[in-house]
C-alpha cells in the first residue's frame, strides 16, 4: 500500500510539472493587455484558414480567422487611429460586388450562406478603425458551389 501511494504521488507530481512547463501565459495566447499602450507595435497580421469544404458543397462559406497585433472591436472613425493597442475590423467583399460589410464581431469565423451554384470569390481585408486597408493584410478565397446542391437556407 505504501509503495502504491509513493507511485501515485510521484506520477501526480510529474504530471503537474509537465503541465506547468507547457502552459502558456494569457499574454502569449491573447496578446497584450488593452490597459497598457504598446511602444513600437509590430505590424498587424491577418490569418484566414481555407473555407470548410463540406460547407461550400452546401452553398455556405465558413472560414475561421485570427489577427495578430490588432484588436477587432466595434470602434469606428479617426479617433480610433491613435489607440494602442491598435484596433480595427474586417471588410468582407463577395464576388467583387461594389459594396462590402464591416465585421467587428471578432467571432473568429466569417459566415456567408445561400451561395448559388457556380464560381464565387470572398475577399477579407483587415482595416483600421477609419476603414483604411492595412497593406498586405488581405486574403481572397475562390471556390465553386457544385450544381448538384441547392443553396442552404440559413
Protein backbone atom coordinates (compact mmCIF):
# COMPACT_ATOMS: atom_id res chain seq x y z
CA UNK A 1 0.00 0.00 0.00
CA UNK A 2 2.82 2.39 0.92
CA UNK A 3 4.51 1.72 -2.47
CA UNK A 4 1.22 2.44 -4.28
CA UNK A 5 0.91 5.82 -2.53
CA UNK A 6 4.52 6.71 -3.38
CA UNK A 7 3.99 5.75 -7.04
CA UNK A 8 0.74 7.74 -7.23
CA UNK A 9 2.39 10.78 -5.59
CA UNK A 10 5.36 10.64 -7.97
CA UNK A 11 3.08 10.33 -11.02
CA UNK A 12 0.93 13.26 -9.86
CA UNK A 13 3.99 15.46 -9.25
CA UNK A 14 5.43 14.60 -12.69
CA UNK A 15 2.12 15.44 -14.37
CA UNK A 16 1.86 18.80 -12.59
CA UNK A 17 5.45 19.71 -13.51
CA UNK A 18 4.98 18.72 -17.15
CA UNK A 19 1.70 20.65 -17.41
CA UNK A 20 3.30 23.77 -15.95
CA UNK A 21 6.25 23.55 -18.33
CA UNK A 22 3.94 23.63 -21.39
CA UNK A 23 1.43 26.17 -20.07
CA UNK A 24 1.30 29.47 -21.91
CA UNK A 25 0.51 32.77 -20.29
CA UNK A 26 -2.63 34.73 -21.06
CA UNK A 27 -0.48 37.33 -22.83
CA UNK A 28 1.08 34.65 -25.05
CA UNK A 29 -2.37 33.50 -26.16
CA UNK A 30 -4.46 36.69 -26.06
CA UNK A 31 -1.83 39.35 -26.68
CA UNK A 32 -1.03 42.42 -24.59
CA UNK A 33 -3.42 43.98 -22.11
CA UNK A 34 -5.65 46.70 -23.56
CA UNK A 35 -4.79 48.84 -20.50
CA UNK A 36 -1.16 49.43 -21.48
CA UNK A 37 -0.03 51.36 -24.57
CA UNK A 38 2.48 49.47 -26.70
CA UNK A 39 5.63 51.22 -27.85
CA UNK A 40 6.67 50.36 -31.42
CA UNK A 41 3.78 47.99 -32.11
CA UNK A 42 4.63 45.32 -34.67
CA UNK A 43 2.50 45.44 -37.83
CA UNK A 44 -0.91 43.79 -37.77
CA UNK A 45 -1.35 40.42 -39.42
CA UNK A 46 -4.46 38.66 -40.76
CA UNK A 47 -4.54 34.86 -40.85
CA UNK A 48 -7.52 33.19 -42.58
CA UNK A 49 -7.96 29.43 -42.91
CA UNK A 50 -9.33 27.93 -46.13
CA UNK A 51 -13.12 27.69 -46.16
CA UNK A 52 -14.70 24.49 -44.84
CA UNK A 53 -15.12 22.24 -47.90
CA UNK A 54 -18.23 20.46 -46.60
CA UNK A 55 -19.95 23.82 -46.14
CA UNK A 56 -19.02 25.03 -49.66
CA UNK A 57 -20.76 21.91 -51.01
CA UNK A 58 -23.95 23.24 -49.36
CA UNK A 59 -23.55 26.82 -50.62
CA UNK A 60 -22.09 28.10 -47.32
CA UNK A 61 -18.77 29.88 -46.83
CA UNK A 62 -17.22 29.36 -43.39
CA UNK A 63 -13.63 30.47 -42.86
CA UNK A 64 -12.00 30.88 -39.47
CA UNK A 65 -9.64 33.80 -38.95
CA UNK A 66 -7.45 35.42 -36.36
CA UNK A 67 -5.42 38.59 -36.20
CA UNK A 68 -2.16 39.49 -34.54
CA UNK A 69 -1.13 42.90 -33.22
CA UNK A 70 -4.62 44.38 -33.66
CA UNK A 71 -7.87 44.03 -31.71
CA UNK A 72 -11.12 43.58 -33.62
CA UNK A 73 -13.59 45.93 -31.91
CA UNK A 74 -16.70 47.97 -32.68
CA UNK A 75 -14.96 51.34 -32.76
CA UNK A 76 -15.03 53.40 -35.95
CA UNK A 77 -13.63 56.75 -37.09
CA UNK A 78 -10.48 58.86 -36.97
CA UNK A 79 -10.41 58.81 -33.16
CA UNK A 80 -9.61 55.09 -33.23
CA UNK A 81 -6.44 55.58 -35.27
CA UNK A 82 -4.31 56.66 -32.31
CA UNK A 83 -5.36 53.91 -29.90
CA UNK A 84 -2.85 51.44 -28.51
CA UNK A 85 -3.06 48.50 -28.64
CA UNK A 86 -4.14 49.04 -32.25
CA UNK A 87 -7.81 48.43 -33.19
CA UNK A 88 -9.67 47.70 -36.40
CA UNK A 89 -12.11 45.34 -38.07
CA UNK A 90 -12.65 43.32 -41.26
CA UNK A 91 -14.20 44.28 -44.58
CA UNK A 92 -15.80 41.36 -46.41
CA UNK A 93 -16.39 41.61 -50.17
CA UNK A 94 -18.28 38.93 -52.11
CA UNK A 95 -17.87 38.30 -55.86
CA UNK A 96 -16.25 41.71 -56.46
CA UNK A 97 -19.54 43.48 -55.78
CA UNK A 98 -19.20 47.25 -55.26
CA UNK A 99 -20.37 47.03 -51.63
CA UNK A 100 -18.84 45.36 -48.59
CA UNK A 101 -19.70 44.94 -44.96
CA UNK A 102 -17.70 45.61 -41.85
CA UNK A 103 -17.29 42.71 -39.43
CA UNK A 104 -16.30 43.96 -35.98
CA UNK A 105 -17.63 40.95 -34.09
CA UNK A 106 -14.32 39.07 -33.67
CA UNK A 107 -16.27 35.80 -33.52
CA UNK A 108 -13.39 34.12 -35.45
CA UNK A 109 -15.43 32.83 -38.40
CA UNK A 110 -16.74 34.62 -41.47
CA UNK A 111 -20.13 33.03 -42.22
CA UNK A 112 -21.91 33.66 -45.54
CA UNK A 113 -24.80 31.47 -46.60
CA UNK A 114 -27.02 30.88 -49.62
CA UNK A 115 -24.42 30.98 -52.39
CA UNK A 116 -25.98 29.74 -55.62
CA UNK A 117 -24.19 27.05 -57.65
CA UNK A 118 -21.20 28.32 -59.61
CA UNK A 119 -17.90 30.13 -59.07
CA UNK A 120 -17.53 32.66 -56.26
CA UNK A 121 -14.92 34.81 -54.55
CA UNK A 122 -14.74 36.11 -50.97
CA UNK A 123 -12.17 38.77 -50.11
CA UNK A 124 -11.41 39.56 -46.44
CA UNK A 125 -9.48 42.75 -45.72
CA UNK A 126 -8.05 43.86 -42.37
CA UNK A 127 -8.71 47.58 -41.92
CA UNK A 128 -8.09 50.23 -39.29
CA UNK A 129 -10.83 51.99 -37.32
CA UNK A 130 -11.24 54.53 -40.15
CA UNK A 131 -11.78 51.78 -42.80
CA UNK A 132 -8.30 52.12 -44.36
CA UNK A 133 -6.93 48.80 -45.61
CA UNK A 134 -3.80 47.65 -43.81
CA UNK A 135 -1.27 46.99 -46.60
CA UNK A 136 -0.69 43.33 -47.37
CA UNK A 137 -3.39 42.11 -44.96
CA UNK A 138 -5.96 40.72 -47.34
CA UNK A 139 -7.00 37.14 -48.11
CA UNK A 140 -9.04 36.05 -51.13
CA UNK A 141 -10.71 32.67 -51.48
CA UNK A 142 -12.15 31.46 -54.76
CA UNK A 143 -14.41 28.43 -54.79
CA UNK A 144 -17.19 26.77 -56.74
CA UNK A 145 -20.51 25.66 -55.30
CA UNK A 146 -21.49 22.45 -57.12
CA UNK A 147 -24.57 22.36 -59.37
CA UNK A 148 -25.89 19.33 -57.50
CA UNK A 149 -26.64 21.28 -54.35
CA UNK A 150 -29.20 23.99 -53.91
CA UNK A 151 -28.19 26.88 -51.70
CA UNK A 152 -28.70 26.31 -47.98
CA UNK A 153 -31.25 28.49 -46.23
CA UNK A 154 -29.69 29.82 -43.03
